[in-house]
Every structure is written in C-alpha cells, then in structure tokens.
Amino acid sequence: MADGQQQAALPRRNGFTRFLDGVEWLGNLLPHPVTLFALLAIGIVFLSGLLGWMGLAVVDPRPAGAPGVAEDGMIRAVSLLDGDGVRRIFTNLVTNFTGFAPLGVVLVAMLGVGVAEKSGLLSAAVRSMVLSAPPHMVTVAIVFAGIVSNTASEVGYVVLIPLAGAIFYALGRHPLAGMAAAFAGVSGGYSANLLIGTIDPLLAGITQEAARLIDPDYTVVATANWYFMVGSTFLITAIGSLVTIFIVEPKLGKYNPSGADPTILDDRMMEEISSKERKGLRWAGIALLGVLGLMALTLLPDWGVLRNPETGDRINSPFFKGFVVWILIFFVVTGYAYGRVVGSVKTDRDVIDAMAGALSSLGLYIVLVFFAAQFVAFFGWTNLGAITAVTGSQFLLDTGMTGPAVFFFFILICAVINLSLGSASAQWAVTAPIFVPMLMLIGYAPEVIQAAYRIGDSTTNIITPMMSYFGLILAWATRYDKNLGVGTLIAMMLPYTIFFILCWSVFFFIWVFALGLPVGPGSPTYYTP
C-alpha cells in the first residue's frame, strides 16, 4: 500500500484512535511548554523541600567509595528550599542554561544548516530525493535513516527530523507525520543500529563495573550487543514505518498549513530540478567527497589526529565526541559550493546572513531551553531521579521471579524510570549496580541484561520531556502548527512507544531464549555464579 493513500480519506476513528485523542486532549490542557517547564522547575523546588524535611532516603546500590556515593551509603532527597539550596539556584541559573548540552550542539549545527538552507541546497536535495524515490519507500527510508544516525545522534535530531517534515510536506503529506517517523527512528530506536556508536563503550563500561561486584574479573566489551542491535534495526524500521502509515498519519489527517510559519513552507518543493541546480548538486557532491576524505584522514590512519590519543580507539575518540563540528563543516562546505554555482551565495556576507537567519528562527527554542535546563538541573540536584530508579528496581527484586519472564518486568521498569532519568548512561549508572548483580545471581549474563535495559531505555525517549532534545522537537513541530501543544506531540509519539516496547520485548525473548542466539560477538546468555 502506498504511503500517500491515507490522505485520500480519513478512516473511521477506532477505539485506539479515540484513546490517543483523549491523551492529546488531556496533554493540551497543560499550559504553554515554556510555562510548563517553569512551573515544573518551581514545583520541584517545593517538592524537594517537603521530601527533604521528611527525610526521604534509599540505600545507594553502588559500592562504597565509588564516585558520588555518600559516606553513610544512602541517597537522600536534597532540599532546594533551605539556605544552601537557594544559594545554589541563584549562583547556577546562568550556567544551567549555557551548560545545557543540547543547546550548544543545536546552535553550532544550525550555523551550518543555515548556509545549506539559504543557498537552496536543502531544497534542491529534498526535491531530488522526493522526485526520484518510490513513494511507498519514503517512510521506510526515513525511519531507517533515523536509526542509523544514532552513530552520531546529533545528526538525527538537528538535521534529519526537520528534513523529514520537509520531505513529507513536499509529497503533499502531513509534515508532522514525517517528523514523527524520523523522531521514532532517531530516539525510539536509540539502541538499534548497524554500527557501534559512542554510547556502546560507555554502557559497556558501566555494565562491567556492576558485573565485577559479583565477578571481579568480568569483562564487557563495546560490541556486547552488536548482533542484537543489527537485528533490532530492521525490526524497528518495520514497526516505525507501519505505525506511521496506519496509525499516526491517519490520525493527523490532511495537513492545513494555515497555522504554519510561512518561512518553513516552500511552494517550490515539487518543482523539477533545473540544469543549474543539477550542476550545483554535482559540485556539492564533490565538496562532500572532500569533507568525507578529510574525515577519513583524521580517523582511519594510525596517526589520525582525532583518534583517542591514549588508546588509539576510533569509537571512543574526539572524532565522535566532537561530531557536531563535522556537521558544521559538512553543511557550510556543501552549501557554499552549491550556492556559488547557482548564484545564491556570492560573498562571505551571504554566508554570515544565512547563519544569522538560522539562529534567529530558534527564538522559541532558546526560551524553552532556559526553563527546561533549570528543571533538569533542579531535578538532578534533588536526587529524586536516583531515588525513583532505586525504588523501581527494588520492586522488581521483591517479585522474586527467576525465569526468563523476569526480563519483561525489567524492561518495563527501565522504560518507566526513563521517563524521569532521560540519560541512558545516567540511568544505567544508578540502576546497573542493582540489576546486573541481581540478575547475574539468578543465572543471566551481563551482556544480555544490558541488551534488555537498552530496550526499556529507548522506547520511552519519545514521550518524555526529560529527554534532552524533546524541547527541540517541539520547537520544530510548532513551525508547522503554531498551536501545537505538548499533548499533541506525546499523543503522536505514544503509538510508537507502545508498539516498540511490546514487539521489541517479544523479539528479545525470541532471539535470546527461543532461538538461543547471542546478543553480540562472544556474548554469553547465561552466567554461572
């Protein structure tokens, strides 16, 4: 069935669609996202005061002497209403904002994207892809590209998601459906990929330390989940595409551009590519090859300057840690090459104006980030996220289950914890010392435990405002619909979360326990205490 056929007529609204309507209605009762984050930040301050006064605390599962572990081995709720808390708020308000990780990444990347957009490169490239690609494969290609972009995740959030909206708009489809498909691939499929990314050695290191609480010599490598990740890539691509085509797009209906930012709607998106534009694309392609060659020289040779200077590692290296710089170089170089050929970029002034124009479109996002950054910082200071994680994992421990079915509960608890602890590494640093030893003692290998954790951690990324890039996605979406609220975005992404967590969990069970396949090279399924 072709993707565009849904636009012809809206189907009758079934029970599930009405449920999503209810979620959207309830979510949109919330105030403007900026106001919401401001209220949440204020609310967390007062809540921390109450819980701190009550003396809320849990036992820290991490070993004594580990970084961040208190001398008494407890994690306590920290009040932000006492003198120390108030002083901490006032002295860190600015640095909370400027140090918010996604802000710098977005601003730097948008400098390059602005040049490519202003020169006309993005418009020509999108039109070239849309006019040449089979319509029924566009959705699949977008979800798949989102998953693969996780090797350098900023590319997906900053570039692919807004680009997917433009592609769907060019096809006469609802642009928010395109953004939803890309968001589902980039963030909902965060732990599915064909390649090893920067998150893999990070999680493996945390898993290894937790495993050594039981077995001091246990080693977990970065490729521990690679086989399962590759298989999951095709599963998530299929599920994400089907949910987009049969649930999300029909629910959104036909797009009404009356509430859109006029600057984002390009009426030329379906025009044929002119001969001058084709020449510009060829020169942009040559420039791209030059950038790729430069990237290869800094990473592949033994003397590559962007390899890890201590270990020589290519994955855990400055190349990937500073990948946003490559995004900037890529778009500036290719955009300039294209613009010089077609005449849209003549002087350095044109490049500067393009960069300034791109940043000027981020006004709402910057305001939203200011308040979101305060909420995230306040929440971290109070220790409430860590307390939630420990309490949730203790619930799993209390169930007393030892069979493979325990992983369904484990995945579900990780997904719930992820709603409040949006960082994969931060959540695993707190919960791995609980889950890994516990599941090892009942016979399961750390590599399998980590693979299950990554399913729960990925699937709720797309419905929680605690995810670092959630505000950016909301800002992109409001450019197509100025009245769009948090409820609309959550309701749009909720079907992906539901089907991802159900199907991915079943896939994990079949892969590991029914077929007996390893989750990675040399990764065992069982552990003998």
Protein backbone atom coordinates (compact mmCIF):
# COMPACT_ATOMS: atom_id res chain seq x y z
CA MET A 1 0.00 0.00 0.00
CA ALA A 2 1.47 3.40 -0.97
CA ASP A 3 2.14 5.81 1.87
CA GLY A 4 0.15 8.62 0.29
CA GLN A 5 -3.10 6.68 0.04
CA GLN A 6 -4.06 7.57 3.60
CA GLN A 7 -4.54 11.18 2.58
CA ALA A 8 -7.40 10.38 0.30
CA ALA A 9 -9.91 9.81 3.06
CA LEU A 10 -9.90 9.64 6.82
CA PRO A 11 -10.88 6.24 8.22
CA ARG A 12 -13.43 5.85 10.96
CA ARG A 13 -11.89 6.62 14.33
CA ASN A 14 -11.48 3.35 16.19
CA GLY A 15 -11.05 2.83 19.94
CA PHE A 16 -7.28 3.23 19.86
CA THR A 17 -7.51 6.48 17.90
CA ARG A 18 -10.08 7.80 20.37
CA PHE A 19 -7.70 6.86 23.19
CA LEU A 20 -4.96 8.92 21.52
CA ASP A 21 -7.43 11.78 21.11
CA GLY A 22 -8.00 11.62 24.85
CA VAL A 23 -4.27 11.69 25.57
CA GLU A 24 -3.89 14.66 23.24
CA TRP A 25 -6.83 16.49 24.84
CA LEU A 26 -5.52 15.94 28.36
CA GLY A 27 -1.98 16.89 27.35
CA ASN A 28 -3.10 20.07 25.64
CA LEU A 29 -4.88 21.18 28.82
CA LEU A 30 -1.37 21.84 30.06
CA PRO A 31 -0.06 25.39 29.65
CA HIS A 32 2.43 26.51 27.01
CA PRO A 33 5.58 24.34 27.12
CA VAL A 34 7.67 27.27 28.37
CA THR A 35 5.20 27.91 31.18
CA LEU A 36 5.03 24.18 31.88
CA PHE A 37 8.78 23.84 32.38
CA ALA A 38 8.81 26.97 34.54
CA LEU A 39 6.05 25.52 36.74
CA LEU A 40 7.81 22.15 36.90
CA ALA A 41 11.04 23.84 37.98
CA ILE A 42 9.22 25.74 40.73
CA GLY A 43 7.27 22.63 41.71
CA ILE A 44 10.40 20.51 42.06
CA VAL A 45 11.87 23.11 44.41
CA PHE A 46 8.88 22.94 46.75
CA LEU A 47 8.62 19.15 46.45
CA SER A 48 12.29 18.78 47.35
CA GLY A 49 11.71 20.94 50.42
CA LEU A 50 8.86 18.69 51.55
CA LEU A 51 10.69 15.40 50.89
CA GLY A 52 13.91 16.71 52.38
CA TRP A 53 12.02 17.71 55.53
CA MET A 54 10.50 14.20 55.64
CA GLY A 55 13.99 12.68 55.38
CA LEU A 56 13.30 10.58 52.27
CA ALA A 57 16.27 8.29 51.56
CA VAL A 58 17.15 4.94 50.00
CA VAL A 59 20.22 2.71 50.20
CA ASP A 60 22.73 3.53 47.44
CA PRO A 61 23.36 0.35 45.40
CA ARG A 62 26.80 1.49 44.27
CA PRO A 63 29.84 0.22 46.17
CA ALA A 64 31.34 2.28 48.98
CA GLY A 65 34.00 4.65 47.72
CA ALA A 66 32.55 4.91 44.21
CA PRO A 67 32.21 8.46 42.82
CA GLY A 68 29.13 10.19 44.19
CA VAL A 69 28.45 7.67 46.97
CA ALA A 70 27.83 9.28 50.37
CA GLU A 71 29.82 8.15 53.40
CA ASP A 72 26.73 6.61 55.01
CA GLY A 73 25.82 4.76 51.78
CA MET A 74 22.44 6.48 51.39
CA ILE A 75 20.83 8.53 48.63
CA ARG A 76 18.87 11.31 50.30
CA ALA A 77 16.38 13.80 48.92
CA VAL A 78 18.12 17.17 48.83
CA SER A 79 16.05 20.26 49.68
CA LEU A 80 16.34 23.33 47.46
CA LEU A 81 14.31 25.41 49.91
CA ASP A 82 16.97 25.74 52.58
CA GLY A 83 19.79 28.28 52.50
CA ASP A 84 22.20 26.08 50.57
CA GLY A 85 19.54 25.25 48.01
CA VAL A 86 18.53 28.85 47.38
CA ARG A 87 22.15 29.91 47.02
CA ARG A 88 22.77 27.04 44.61
CA ILE A 89 19.83 28.11 42.44
CA PHE A 90 20.94 31.74 42.26
CA THR A 91 24.59 31.01 41.53
CA ASN A 92 23.90 28.37 38.87
CA LEU A 93 20.90 29.77 37.00
CA VAL A 94 23.04 31.06 34.12
CA THR A 95 25.36 28.06 33.92
CA ASN A 96 22.38 25.69 33.96
CA PHE A 97 21.27 27.42 30.76
CA THR A 98 24.61 27.82 29.00
CA GLY A 99 25.77 24.35 30.06
CA PHE A 100 22.65 22.55 28.83
CA ALA A 101 24.26 20.03 26.47
CA PRO A 102 21.79 20.10 23.55
CA LEU A 103 21.83 23.91 23.35
CA GLY A 104 25.42 24.22 22.14
CA VAL A 105 25.05 21.29 19.76
CA VAL A 106 21.92 22.78 18.18
CA LEU A 107 23.35 26.29 17.84
CA VAL A 108 26.60 25.11 16.27
CA ALA A 109 24.88 22.69 13.90
CA MET A 110 22.34 25.31 12.84
CA LEU A 111 25.12 27.65 11.73
CA GLY A 112 25.96 25.12 9.03
CA VAL A 113 22.36 24.10 8.31
CA GLY A 114 21.52 27.78 7.78
CA VAL A 115 24.10 28.07 5.00
CA ALA A 116 22.81 24.93 3.27
CA GLU A 117 19.21 26.08 3.59
CA LYS A 118 19.77 29.67 2.43
CA SER A 119 21.85 28.58 -0.54
CA GLY A 120 19.00 26.37 -1.72
CA LEU A 121 20.95 23.13 -1.29
CA LEU A 122 18.47 21.53 1.11
CA SER A 123 15.50 22.39 -1.08
CA ALA A 124 17.18 21.00 -4.19
CA ALA A 125 18.42 17.89 -2.40
CA VAL A 126 14.98 17.16 -0.92
CA ARG A 127 13.26 17.67 -4.26
CA SER A 128 15.81 15.42 -5.94
CA MET A 129 15.19 12.65 -3.39
CA VAL A 130 11.42 13.03 -3.40
CA LEU A 131 11.02 13.10 -7.16
CA SER A 132 13.27 10.09 -7.71
CA ALA A 133 12.35 7.85 -4.77
CA PRO A 134 9.43 5.38 -4.85
CA PRO A 135 6.68 6.99 -2.73
CA HIS A 136 5.97 3.78 -0.84
CA MET A 137 9.60 3.63 0.38
CA VAL A 138 9.93 7.16 1.74
CA THR A 139 8.64 6.36 5.23
CA VAL A 140 10.82 3.26 5.49
CA ALA A 141 13.88 5.23 4.37
CA ILE A 142 13.26 7.97 6.94
CA VAL A 143 12.85 5.59 9.90
CA PHE A 144 15.90 3.58 8.81
CA ALA A 145 17.99 6.75 8.38
CA GLY A 146 16.94 7.86 11.86
CA ILE A 147 18.17 4.61 13.41
CA VAL A 148 21.49 4.67 11.56
CA SER A 149 22.04 8.33 12.51
CA ASN A 150 22.40 7.22 16.14
CA THR A 151 26.08 6.57 15.44
CA ALA A 152 26.32 10.37 15.73
CA SER A 153 22.94 11.19 17.27
CA GLU A 154 23.04 14.97 16.81
CA VAL A 155 22.67 14.47 13.06
CA GLY A 156 19.30 12.84 13.55
CA TYR A 157 17.89 15.38 15.99
CA VAL A 158 19.22 18.51 14.36
CA VAL A 159 19.07 17.61 10.68
CA LEU A 160 17.02 14.51 9.87
CA ILE A 161 13.85 15.26 11.87
CA PRO A 162 13.16 18.71 10.34
CA LEU A 163 14.25 17.38 6.94
CA ALA A 164 11.68 14.56 7.22
CA GLY A 165 8.97 17.14 7.81
CA ALA A 166 10.03 18.98 4.65
CA ILE A 167 10.03 15.74 2.64
CA PHE A 168 6.51 14.83 3.73
CA TYR A 169 5.28 18.35 3.00
CA ALA A 170 6.82 18.16 -0.47
CA LEU A 171 4.90 14.92 -1.07
CA GLY A 172 1.62 16.52 -0.03
CA ARG A 173 1.56 14.52 3.20
CA HIS A 174 1.37 15.76 6.77
CA PRO A 175 4.82 17.10 7.74
CA LEU A 176 4.32 16.18 11.41
CA ALA A 177 3.96 12.54 10.36
CA GLY A 178 7.35 12.72 8.68
CA MET A 179 8.89 14.29 11.77
CA ALA A 180 7.26 11.61 13.93
CA ALA A 181 8.73 8.82 11.78
CA ALA A 182 12.21 10.34 12.00
CA PHE A 183 11.89 11.01 15.75
CA ALA A 184 10.79 7.40 16.28
CA GLY A 185 13.86 6.13 14.45
CA VAL A 186 16.38 8.50 16.00
CA SER A 187 15.21 8.37 19.60
CA GLY A 188 12.75 5.48 19.98
CA GLY A 189 15.17 3.19 18.17
CA TYR A 190 18.18 4.57 20.00
CA SER A 191 19.62 1.11 20.80
CA ALA A 192 19.17 -0.33 17.32
CA ASN A 193 21.93 0.26 14.80
CA LEU A 194 24.13 -1.36 12.19
CA LEU A 195 27.27 0.24 13.62
CA ILE A 196 28.85 0.62 17.04
CA GLY A 197 28.28 4.15 18.36
CA THR A 198 29.68 6.29 21.16
CA ILE A 199 27.08 5.06 23.67
CA ASP A 200 28.19 1.42 23.37
CA PRO A 201 31.58 1.63 25.12
CA LEU A 202 30.04 3.94 27.73
CA LEU A 203 27.28 1.48 28.68
CA ALA A 204 29.66 -1.47 28.46
CA GLY A 205 31.97 0.20 30.97
CA ILE A 206 29.12 0.75 33.43
CA THR A 207 27.90 -2.85 32.97
CA GLN A 208 31.40 -4.19 33.53
CA GLU A 209 31.81 -2.31 36.81
CA ALA A 210 28.44 -3.58 38.01
CA ALA A 211 29.31 -7.16 36.99
CA ARG A 212 32.55 -7.00 38.92
CA LEU A 213 30.56 -6.63 42.13
CA ILE A 214 29.90 -10.36 41.62
CA ASP A 215 32.87 -11.41 39.47
CA PRO A 216 35.94 -9.12 39.89
CA ASP A 217 37.49 -10.30 36.61
CA TYR A 218 34.42 -10.00 34.37
CA THR A 219 34.88 -8.02 31.13
CA VAL A 220 32.17 -6.45 28.95
CA VAL A 221 33.21 -5.12 25.54
CA ALA A 222 31.66 -2.37 23.41
CA THR A 223 30.37 -4.91 20.86
CA ALA A 224 28.47 -6.86 23.55
CA ASN A 225 25.04 -6.17 21.98
CA TRP A 226 26.02 -5.71 18.34
CA TYR A 227 24.24 -8.75 16.84
CA PHE A 228 21.00 -7.91 18.63
CA MET A 229 21.33 -4.23 17.62
CA VAL A 230 21.66 -5.16 13.94
CA GLY A 231 18.61 -7.42 14.09
CA SER A 232 16.68 -4.75 16.00
CA THR A 233 17.42 -2.21 13.27
CA PHE A 234 15.19 -3.98 10.78
CA LEU A 235 12.51 -4.70 13.40
CA ILE A 236 12.27 -1.05 14.47
CA THR A 237 12.34 0.12 10.85
CA ALA A 238 9.35 -2.09 10.05
CA ILE A 239 7.37 -1.19 13.18
CA GLY A 240 8.11 2.53 12.90
CA SER A 241 7.04 2.57 9.25
CA LEU A 242 3.81 0.66 9.88
CA VAL A 243 2.84 2.82 12.87
CA THR A 244 3.45 5.95 10.80
CA ILE A 245 1.41 4.73 7.83
CA PHE A 246 -1.51 3.08 9.59
CA ILE A 247 -1.87 4.98 12.88
CA VAL A 248 -0.10 8.34 13.08
CA GLU A 249 -0.76 9.68 9.59
CA PRO A 250 -4.46 8.76 9.50
CA LYS A 251 -4.94 10.34 12.93
CA LEU A 252 -3.30 13.58 11.84
CA GLY A 253 -5.42 13.75 8.68
CA LYS A 254 -4.86 16.20 5.85
CA TYR A 255 -2.40 18.96 6.64
CA ASN A 256 -3.73 22.51 7.00
CA PRO A 257 -0.86 24.98 6.51
CA SER A 258 -2.81 27.98 7.84
CA GLY A 259 -1.14 27.70 11.26
CA ALA A 260 2.40 27.27 9.95
CA ASP A 261 5.35 29.61 9.98
CA PRO A 262 5.39 30.87 6.35
CA THR A 263 9.18 30.66 6.18
CA ILE A 264 9.11 26.87 6.54
CA LEU A 265 6.67 26.25 3.68
CA ASP A 266 8.42 26.11 0.31
CA ASP A 267 5.96 26.16 -2.59
CA ARG A 268 8.76 25.18 -4.96
CA MET A 269 9.34 21.85 -3.23
CA MET A 270 7.76 19.85 -6.07
CA GLU A 271 9.29 21.75 -8.97
CA GLU A 272 11.57 19.83 -11.30
CA ILE A 273 15.30 20.29 -10.71
CA SER A 274 16.75 22.82 -13.16
CA SER A 275 20.01 22.27 -15.05
CA LYS A 276 21.75 24.91 -12.90
CA GLU A 277 20.54 23.19 -9.74
CA ARG A 278 21.79 19.83 -11.02
CA LYS A 279 25.19 21.37 -11.64
CA GLY A 280 25.11 22.84 -8.13
CA LEU A 281 24.27 19.43 -6.66
CA ARG A 282 27.19 17.87 -8.55
CA TRP A 283 29.60 20.43 -7.11
CA ALA A 284 28.07 19.94 -3.66
CA GLY A 285 28.70 16.21 -4.12
CA ILE A 286 32.34 16.90 -4.98
CA ALA A 287 32.61 19.07 -1.88
CA LEU A 288 31.02 16.26 0.14
CA LEU A 289 33.66 13.83 -1.07
CA GLY A 290 36.33 16.29 0.05
CA VAL A 291 34.80 16.51 3.53
CA LEU A 292 34.50 12.72 3.77
CA GLY A 293 38.11 12.36 2.69
CA LEU A 294 39.19 14.80 5.39
CA MET A 295 37.11 12.91 7.96
CA ALA A 296 38.77 9.64 6.94
CA LEU A 297 42.26 11.14 7.26
CA THR A 298 41.57 12.27 10.82
CA LEU A 299 40.21 8.89 11.95
CA LEU A 300 41.33 5.87 9.91
CA PRO A 301 45.16 6.04 9.78
CA ASP A 302 47.18 5.12 12.85
CA TRP A 303 48.32 8.73 13.01
CA GLY A 304 44.78 10.11 12.71
CA VAL A 305 44.66 13.25 14.80
CA LEU A 306 41.09 12.65 16.00
CA ARG A 307 41.63 9.11 17.26
CA ASN A 308 41.87 8.62 21.00
CA PRO A 309 45.39 9.92 21.77
CA GLU A 310 45.86 7.48 24.67
CA THR A 311 44.37 4.25 23.34
CA GLY A 312 44.17 4.83 19.58
CA ASP A 313 40.47 3.89 19.72
CA ARG A 314 38.31 5.14 16.85
CA ILE A 315 34.92 4.88 18.60
CA ASN A 316 35.67 6.40 21.99
CA SER A 317 37.54 9.27 20.39
CA PRO A 318 37.49 13.06 19.82
CA PHE A 319 36.14 12.33 16.32
CA PHE A 320 32.76 11.22 17.63
CA LYS A 321 32.73 13.33 20.78
CA GLY A 322 33.08 16.44 18.62
CA PHE A 323 30.96 15.22 15.72
CA VAL A 324 28.87 18.38 15.74
CA VAL A 325 31.92 20.17 14.28
CA TRP A 326 31.75 17.82 11.28
CA ILE A 327 28.07 18.67 10.89
CA LEU A 328 29.01 22.37 10.76
CA ILE A 329 31.82 21.79 8.24
CA PHE A 330 29.67 19.49 6.11
CA PHE A 331 26.80 21.95 5.65
CA VAL A 332 28.96 25.06 5.28
CA VAL A 333 31.22 23.50 2.64
CA THR A 334 28.49 21.81 0.59
CA GLY A 335 26.10 24.75 0.95
CA TYR A 336 28.77 27.21 -0.16
CA ALA A 337 29.78 25.01 -3.13
CA TYR A 338 26.15 24.75 -4.24
CA GLY A 339 25.45 28.45 -3.68
CA ARG A 340 28.45 29.60 -5.70
CA VAL A 341 27.30 27.57 -8.70
CA VAL A 342 23.64 28.64 -8.67
CA GLY A 343 24.43 32.22 -7.63
CA SER A 344 22.68 32.24 -4.24
CA VAL A 345 25.98 32.71 -2.38
CA LYS A 346 28.32 35.33 -3.78
CA THR A 347 30.28 36.75 -0.85
CA ASP A 348 31.10 36.00 2.77
CA ARG A 349 28.25 38.35 3.67
CA ASP A 350 25.75 35.87 2.24
CA VAL A 351 27.19 33.09 4.41
CA ILE A 352 27.02 35.29 7.51
CA ASP A 353 23.43 36.34 6.79
CA ALA A 354 22.45 32.69 6.32
CA MET A 355 23.96 31.76 9.69
CA ALA A 356 22.25 34.67 11.41
CA GLY A 357 18.93 33.82 9.81
CA ALA A 358 19.15 30.21 11.02
CA LEU A 359 19.77 31.26 14.62
CA SER A 360 17.01 33.87 14.53
CA SER A 361 14.49 31.08 13.83
CA LEU A 362 15.40 29.41 17.14
CA GLY A 363 13.99 32.12 19.41
CA LEU A 364 11.25 29.98 20.92
CA TYR A 365 13.60 27.04 21.37
CA ILE A 366 16.13 29.15 23.26
CA VAL A 367 13.45 30.47 25.61
CA LEU A 368 12.13 26.96 26.16
CA VAL A 369 15.63 25.61 26.80
CA PHE A 370 16.24 28.21 29.53
CA PHE A 371 13.38 26.87 31.64
CA ALA A 372 13.87 23.23 30.65
CA ALA A 373 17.52 23.45 31.69
CA GLN A 374 16.52 24.77 35.12
CA PHE A 375 14.04 21.94 35.64
CA VAL A 376 16.55 19.26 34.58
CA ALA A 377 19.24 20.75 36.82
CA PHE A 378 16.93 21.15 39.83
CA PHE A 379 15.65 17.59 39.40
CA GLY A 380 19.21 16.24 39.35
CA TRP A 381 20.24 18.21 42.42
CA THR A 382 17.36 16.83 44.47
CA ASN A 383 18.35 13.16 43.86
CA LEU A 384 14.70 12.38 43.13
CA GLY A 385 15.57 10.67 39.84
CA ALA A 386 18.06 8.35 41.53
CA ILE A 387 15.60 7.59 44.34
CA THR A 388 12.93 6.76 41.75
CA ALA A 389 15.34 4.42 39.95
CA VAL A 390 16.34 2.56 43.10
CA THR A 391 12.72 2.26 44.27
CA GLY A 392 11.59 0.90 40.89
CA SER A 393 14.36 -1.67 40.74
CA GLN A 394 13.63 -2.77 44.30
CA PHE A 395 10.09 -3.56 43.18
CA LEU A 396 11.48 -5.96 40.59
CA LEU A 397 13.66 -7.57 43.24
CA ASP A 398 10.65 -8.06 45.51
CA THR A 399 8.75 -10.02 42.85
CA GLY A 400 11.10 -12.97 43.39
CA MET A 401 10.94 -14.08 39.73
CA THR A 402 13.86 -16.05 38.30
CA GLY A 403 12.67 -17.30 34.87
CA PRO A 404 13.13 -15.52 31.52
CA ALA A 405 9.81 -13.71 32.08
CA VAL A 406 11.64 -11.54 34.60
CA PHE A 407 13.05 -9.61 31.63
CA PHE A 408 9.59 -8.36 30.62
CA PHE A 409 9.25 -6.72 34.04
CA PHE A 410 12.84 -5.50 33.90
CA ILE A 411 12.32 -3.83 30.50
CA LEU A 412 9.06 -2.24 31.67
CA ILE A 413 10.64 -0.82 34.83
CA CYS A 414 13.57 0.59 32.84
CA ALA A 415 11.07 2.23 30.46
CA VAL A 416 9.21 3.82 33.37
CA ILE A 417 12.42 5.01 35.07
CA ASN A 418 13.50 6.55 31.76
CA LEU A 419 10.55 8.96 31.99
CA SER A 420 12.35 10.74 34.83
CA LEU A 421 16.01 9.90 34.07
CA GLY A 422 16.33 10.69 30.37
CA SER A 423 20.06 10.00 30.02
CA ALA A 424 20.92 6.39 29.11
CA SER A 425 24.26 6.48 30.89
CA ALA A 426 22.94 8.33 33.97
CA GLN A 427 20.09 5.86 34.45
CA TRP A 428 22.33 2.84 33.94
CA ALA A 429 24.98 4.20 36.32
CA VAL A 430 22.37 4.16 39.09
CA THR A 431 20.43 1.02 38.20
CA ALA A 432 23.16 -1.28 36.84
CA PRO A 433 24.66 -1.94 40.30
CA ILE A 434 21.21 -3.25 41.31
CA PHE A 435 20.01 -5.10 38.23
CA VAL A 436 23.26 -6.60 36.94
CA PRO A 437 24.34 -8.36 40.16
CA MET A 438 20.75 -9.37 40.92
CA LEU A 439 20.16 -10.98 37.52
CA MET A 440 23.67 -12.47 37.44
CA LEU A 441 22.94 -14.28 40.70
CA ILE A 442 19.91 -15.96 39.13
CA GLY A 443 21.96 -17.06 36.13
CA TYR A 444 21.92 -14.37 33.39
CA ALA A 445 24.98 -12.81 31.74
CA PRO A 446 25.64 -9.05 31.99
CA GLU A 447 25.60 -8.70 28.19
CA VAL A 448 22.01 -9.98 27.98
CA ILE A 449 20.97 -7.79 30.91
CA GLN A 450 22.42 -4.73 29.17
CA ALA A 451 20.59 -5.56 25.91
CA ALA A 452 17.27 -5.76 27.76
CA TYR A 453 17.98 -2.49 29.57
CA ARG A 454 18.57 -0.71 26.26
CA ILE A 455 15.11 -1.67 25.02
CA GLY A 456 13.42 -0.06 28.03
CA ASP A 457 15.70 2.97 27.89
CA SER A 458 14.98 3.65 24.20
CA THR A 459 11.25 3.15 23.91
CA THR A 460 10.06 5.97 26.19
CA ASN A 461 12.56 8.58 24.99
CA ILE A 462 9.97 9.92 22.55
CA ILE A 463 7.24 10.65 25.11
CA THR A 464 9.15 12.22 27.99
CA PRO A 465 10.03 15.93 28.26
CA MET A 466 13.05 14.80 30.31
CA MET A 467 14.72 13.68 27.08
CA SER A 468 17.28 16.38 26.24
CA TYR A 469 16.08 17.01 22.68
CA PHE A 470 12.34 16.89 23.40
CA GLY A 471 12.15 20.68 23.52
CA LEU A 472 13.92 20.94 20.16
CA ILE A 473 11.46 18.55 18.52
CA LEU A 474 8.57 20.54 19.99
CA ALA A 475 10.06 23.75 18.62
CA TRP A 476 10.45 22.20 15.15
CA ALA A 477 6.88 20.91 15.22
CA THR A 478 5.38 24.28 16.20
CA ARG A 479 6.81 25.76 13.00
CA TYR A 480 4.27 23.63 11.13
CA ASP A 481 1.49 24.24 13.66
CA LYS A 482 1.85 27.24 15.96
CA ASN A 483 -0.95 25.95 18.20
CA LEU A 484 0.62 22.54 18.75
CA GLY A 485 0.97 21.60 22.42
CA VAL A 486 2.84 19.03 24.45
CA GLY A 487 -0.23 16.77 24.44
CA THR A 488 -0.33 16.62 20.65
CA LEU A 489 3.34 15.66 20.44
CA ILE A 490 3.05 12.99 23.15
CA ALA A 491 -0.14 11.54 21.64
CA MET A 492 1.55 11.48 18.23
CA MET A 493 4.54 9.53 19.58
CA LEU A 494 2.73 7.28 22.07
CA PRO A 495 1.78 4.60 19.48
CA TYR A 496 5.46 4.16 18.64
CA THR A 497 6.30 3.66 22.32
CA ILE A 498 3.53 1.10 22.80
CA PHE A 499 4.38 -0.99 19.73
CA PHE A 500 8.15 -0.64 20.17
CA ILE A 501 8.13 -1.89 23.76
CA LEU A 502 5.74 -4.77 23.01
CA CYS A 503 7.32 -6.00 19.79
CA TRP A 504 10.91 -5.35 20.81
CA SER A 505 10.46 -7.24 24.10
CA VAL A 506 8.96 -10.22 22.27
CA PHE A 507 11.79 -10.04 19.71
CA PHE A 508 14.32 -10.07 22.57
CA PHE A 509 12.66 -13.11 24.14
CA ILE A 510 12.63 -15.00 20.83
CA TRP A 511 16.21 -14.01 19.95
CA VAL A 512 17.72 -14.90 23.32
CA PHE A 513 15.59 -17.68 24.78
CA ALA A 514 13.65 -19.29 21.92
CA LEU A 515 16.43 -19.28 19.29
CA GLY A 516 19.35 -19.18 21.72
CA LEU A 517 21.21 -16.56 19.66
CA PRO A 518 23.98 -14.49 21.28
CA VAL A 519 23.33 -10.75 21.63
CA GLY A 520 26.85 -9.95 20.46
CA PRO A 521 30.21 -11.46 19.44
CA GLY A 522 31.31 -13.78 22.24
CA SER A 523 28.45 -12.65 24.49
CA PRO A 524 27.07 -15.47 26.66
CA THR A 525 23.41 -15.71 27.56
CA TYR A 526 23.81 -17.38 30.93
CA TYR A 527 26.18 -16.87 33.84
CA THR A 528 27.13 -19.46 36.43
CA PRO A 529 27.60 -17.76 39.82
